[in-house]
Amino acid sequence: MTSGQQAGGDSGAADGARAAGSESLSPEQIEERLRAQRVALAASVDELAARVDPRTQAREAGEHLREQASARADHLREQASARADQLREQAAAGAGRLREEARRLAEQAEETWERAKQGDSEATSALTKAAAVAGGVVTTGIILARLARR
């Protein structure tokens, strides 16, 4: 601190003393002011102590982490819900395509059946092969079911 600052500081103290003197406070008023200043200072000290208290800091950090985790969980739930909606839409579209393909195959099978009834050897051969495959699938299903029971 320079001597000019000290002089300015002394001047400020003198101004404060003159202001206090010009107000001509009673001793009771001075004591009341001092008491109020002590209360304000004690509150400031308590607030500072609370800010630097490790338990307070840990509690506040825990609350902050809980808030972050909750926000992240909400975000992930929203993402999961959006993805589930997207997958439902894709599944519905896939099911629609499968239904259309099943209808087409059913019509094709009916046409093949009609041609076989009219004596078309190619259609008869296709039906024979389809019957053999279907029989193999049914037989395999029966064998697997029996093996699964063991």
Protein backbone atom coordinates (compact mmCIF):
# COMPACT_ATOMS: atom_id res chain seq x y z
CA MET A 1 0.00 0.00 0.00
CA THR A 2 1.44 3.41 -0.91
CA SER A 3 1.52 6.37 1.39
CA GLY A 4 -1.09 8.07 -0.84
CA GLN A 5 -3.42 5.11 -0.35
CA GLN A 6 -2.80 5.21 3.38
CA ALA A 7 -3.56 8.87 3.44
CA GLY A 8 -6.71 8.25 1.42
CA GLY A 9 -7.66 5.46 3.81
CA ASP A 10 -7.07 7.75 6.80
CA SER A 11 -9.07 10.42 5.09
CA GLY A 12 -11.95 7.97 4.60
CA ALA A 13 -11.81 7.02 8.27
CA ALA A 14 -11.83 10.68 9.23
CA ASP A 15 -14.82 11.27 6.94
CA GLY A 16 -16.64 8.39 8.58
CA ALA A 17 -15.86 9.75 12.03
CA ARG A 18 -17.04 13.21 11.02
CA ALA A 19 -20.23 11.74 9.52
CA ALA A 20 -20.85 9.76 12.68
CA GLY A 21 -20.11 12.83 14.75
CA SER A 22 -22.37 15.05 12.71
CA GLU A 23 -25.21 12.62 13.20
CA SER A 24 -24.54 12.77 16.96
CA LEU A 25 -25.62 9.21 17.67
CA SER A 26 -26.44 8.23 21.18
CA PRO A 27 -24.47 5.41 22.80
CA GLU A 28 -27.54 3.17 22.52
CA GLN A 29 -27.78 3.85 18.77
CA ILE A 30 -24.09 3.11 18.34
CA GLU A 31 -24.50 -0.16 20.29
CA GLU A 32 -27.53 -1.08 18.15
CA ARG A 33 -25.55 -0.45 14.95
CA LEU A 34 -22.67 -2.54 16.23
CA ARG A 35 -25.06 -5.34 17.24
CA ALA A 36 -26.66 -5.30 13.76
CA GLN A 37 -23.24 -5.36 12.13
CA ARG A 38 -22.19 -8.31 14.34
CA VAL A 39 -25.36 -10.23 13.36
CA ALA A 40 -24.76 -9.52 9.66
CA LEU A 41 -21.11 -10.54 9.99
CA ALA A 42 -22.06 -13.75 11.84
CA ALA A 43 -24.55 -14.61 9.09
CA SER A 44 -21.86 -14.03 6.45
CA VAL A 45 -19.40 -16.22 8.36
CA ASP A 46 -22.03 -18.97 8.74
CA GLU A 47 -22.79 -18.80 5.02
CA LEU A 48 -19.10 -19.06 4.15
CA ALA A 49 -18.64 -21.97 6.55
CA ALA A 50 -21.59 -23.77 4.97
CA ARG A 51 -20.13 -23.24 1.49
CA VAL A 52 -16.77 -24.77 2.39
CA ASP A 53 -18.16 -27.58 4.58
CA PRO A 54 -17.18 -30.92 2.96
CA ARG A 55 -20.50 -32.52 3.88
CA THR A 56 -22.42 -29.68 2.26
CA GLN A 57 -20.25 -29.85 -0.82
CA ALA A 58 -20.67 -33.63 -1.01
CA ARG A 59 -24.45 -33.34 -0.59
CA GLU A 60 -24.65 -30.69 -3.32
CA ALA A 61 -22.43 -32.78 -5.61
CA GLY A 62 -24.66 -35.79 -4.96
CA GLU A 63 -27.77 -33.77 -5.77
CA HIS A 64 -26.12 -32.53 -8.95
CA LEU A 65 -25.19 -36.08 -9.99
CA ARG A 66 -28.73 -37.30 -9.23
CA GLU A 67 -30.16 -34.54 -11.41
CA GLN A 68 -27.75 -35.40 -14.23
CA ALA A 69 -28.55 -39.12 -13.94
CA SER A 70 -32.27 -38.43 -13.93
CA ALA A 71 -31.98 -36.19 -17.00
CA ARG A 72 -29.89 -38.83 -18.79
CA ALA A 73 -32.37 -41.56 -17.88
CA ASP A 74 -35.24 -39.43 -19.21
CA HIS A 75 -33.33 -38.84 -22.43
CA LEU A 76 -32.58 -42.56 -22.83
CA ARG A 77 -36.23 -43.45 -22.15
CA GLU A 78 -37.30 -41.01 -24.87
CA GLN A 79 -34.77 -42.49 -27.30
CA ALA A 80 -35.88 -46.05 -26.47
CA SER A 81 -39.52 -45.12 -26.95
CA ALA A 82 -38.79 -43.48 -30.30
CA ARG A 83 -36.78 -46.51 -31.43
CA ALA A 84 -39.55 -48.88 -30.29
CA ASP A 85 -42.07 -46.85 -32.31
CA GLN A 86 -39.77 -47.01 -35.33
CA LEU A 87 -39.36 -50.79 -34.96
CA ARG A 88 -43.15 -51.24 -34.60
CA GLU A 89 -43.64 -49.34 -37.85
CA GLN A 90 -41.00 -51.45 -39.59
CA ALA A 91 -42.56 -54.67 -38.23
CA ALA A 92 -46.02 -53.59 -39.43
CA ALA A 93 -44.63 -52.79 -42.87
CA GLY A 94 -42.79 -56.14 -42.95
CA ALA A 95 -45.93 -57.99 -41.88
CA GLY A 96 -47.84 -56.26 -44.66
CA ARG A 97 -45.25 -57.34 -47.20
CA LEU A 98 -45.37 -60.92 -45.87
CA ARG A 99 -49.18 -60.98 -46.13
CA GLU A 100 -48.96 -59.79 -49.72
CA GLU A 101 -46.34 -62.43 -50.52
CA ALA A 102 -48.51 -65.12 -48.86
CA ARG A 103 -51.49 -64.04 -50.96
CA ARG A 104 -49.37 -64.14 -54.11
CA LEU A 105 -48.04 -67.61 -53.26
CA ALA A 106 -51.54 -68.85 -52.44
CA GLU A 107 -52.78 -67.63 -55.82
CA GLN A 108 -49.78 -69.23 -57.51
CA ALA A 109 -50.45 -72.53 -55.68
CA GLU A 110 -54.10 -72.43 -56.73
CA GLU A 111 -53.11 -71.81 -60.35
CA THR A 112 -50.61 -74.69 -60.17
CA TRP A 113 -53.30 -76.94 -58.68
CA GLU A 114 -55.73 -76.06 -61.46
CA ARG A 115 -53.08 -76.71 -64.13
CA ALA A 116 -52.21 -80.07 -62.51
CA LYS A 117 -55.89 -81.04 -62.53
CA GLN A 118 -55.94 -80.27 -66.27
CA GLY A 119 -53.00 -82.65 -66.80
CA ASP A 120 -50.03 -80.23 -66.93
CA SER A 121 -47.02 -82.47 -66.11
CA GLU A 122 -44.89 -79.53 -64.94
CA ALA A 123 -47.59 -78.45 -62.46
CA THR A 124 -48.00 -82.06 -61.28
CA SER A 125 -44.25 -82.31 -60.68
CA ALA A 126 -44.23 -79.03 -58.75
CA LEU A 127 -47.12 -80.23 -56.55
CA THR A 128 -45.36 -83.55 -55.94
CA LYS A 129 -42.22 -81.74 -54.84
CA ALA A 130 -44.19 -79.35 -52.62
CA ALA A 131 -46.00 -82.29 -51.01
CA ALA A 132 -42.68 -84.04 -50.34
CA VAL A 133 -41.23 -80.91 -48.74
CA ALA A 134 -44.36 -80.38 -46.66
CA GLY A 135 -44.26 -84.00 -45.52
CA GLY A 136 -40.59 -83.60 -44.56
CA VAL A 137 -41.35 -80.46 -42.58
CA VAL A 138 -44.22 -82.14 -40.70
CA THR A 139 -42.10 -85.24 -39.99
CA THR A 140 -39.20 -83.08 -38.74
CA GLY A 141 -41.57 -81.15 -36.49
CA ILE A 142 -42.91 -84.36 -34.96
CA ILE A 143 -39.41 -85.75 -34.37
CA LEU A 144 -38.21 -82.48 -32.79
CA ALA A 145 -41.27 -82.29 -30.53
CA ARG A 146 -40.64 -85.83 -29.30
CA LEU A 147 -36.96 -85.14 -28.71
CA ALA A 148 -37.83 -81.99 -26.80
CA ARG A 149 -40.07 -83.98 -24.41
CA ARG A 150 -37.18 -86.27 -23.39
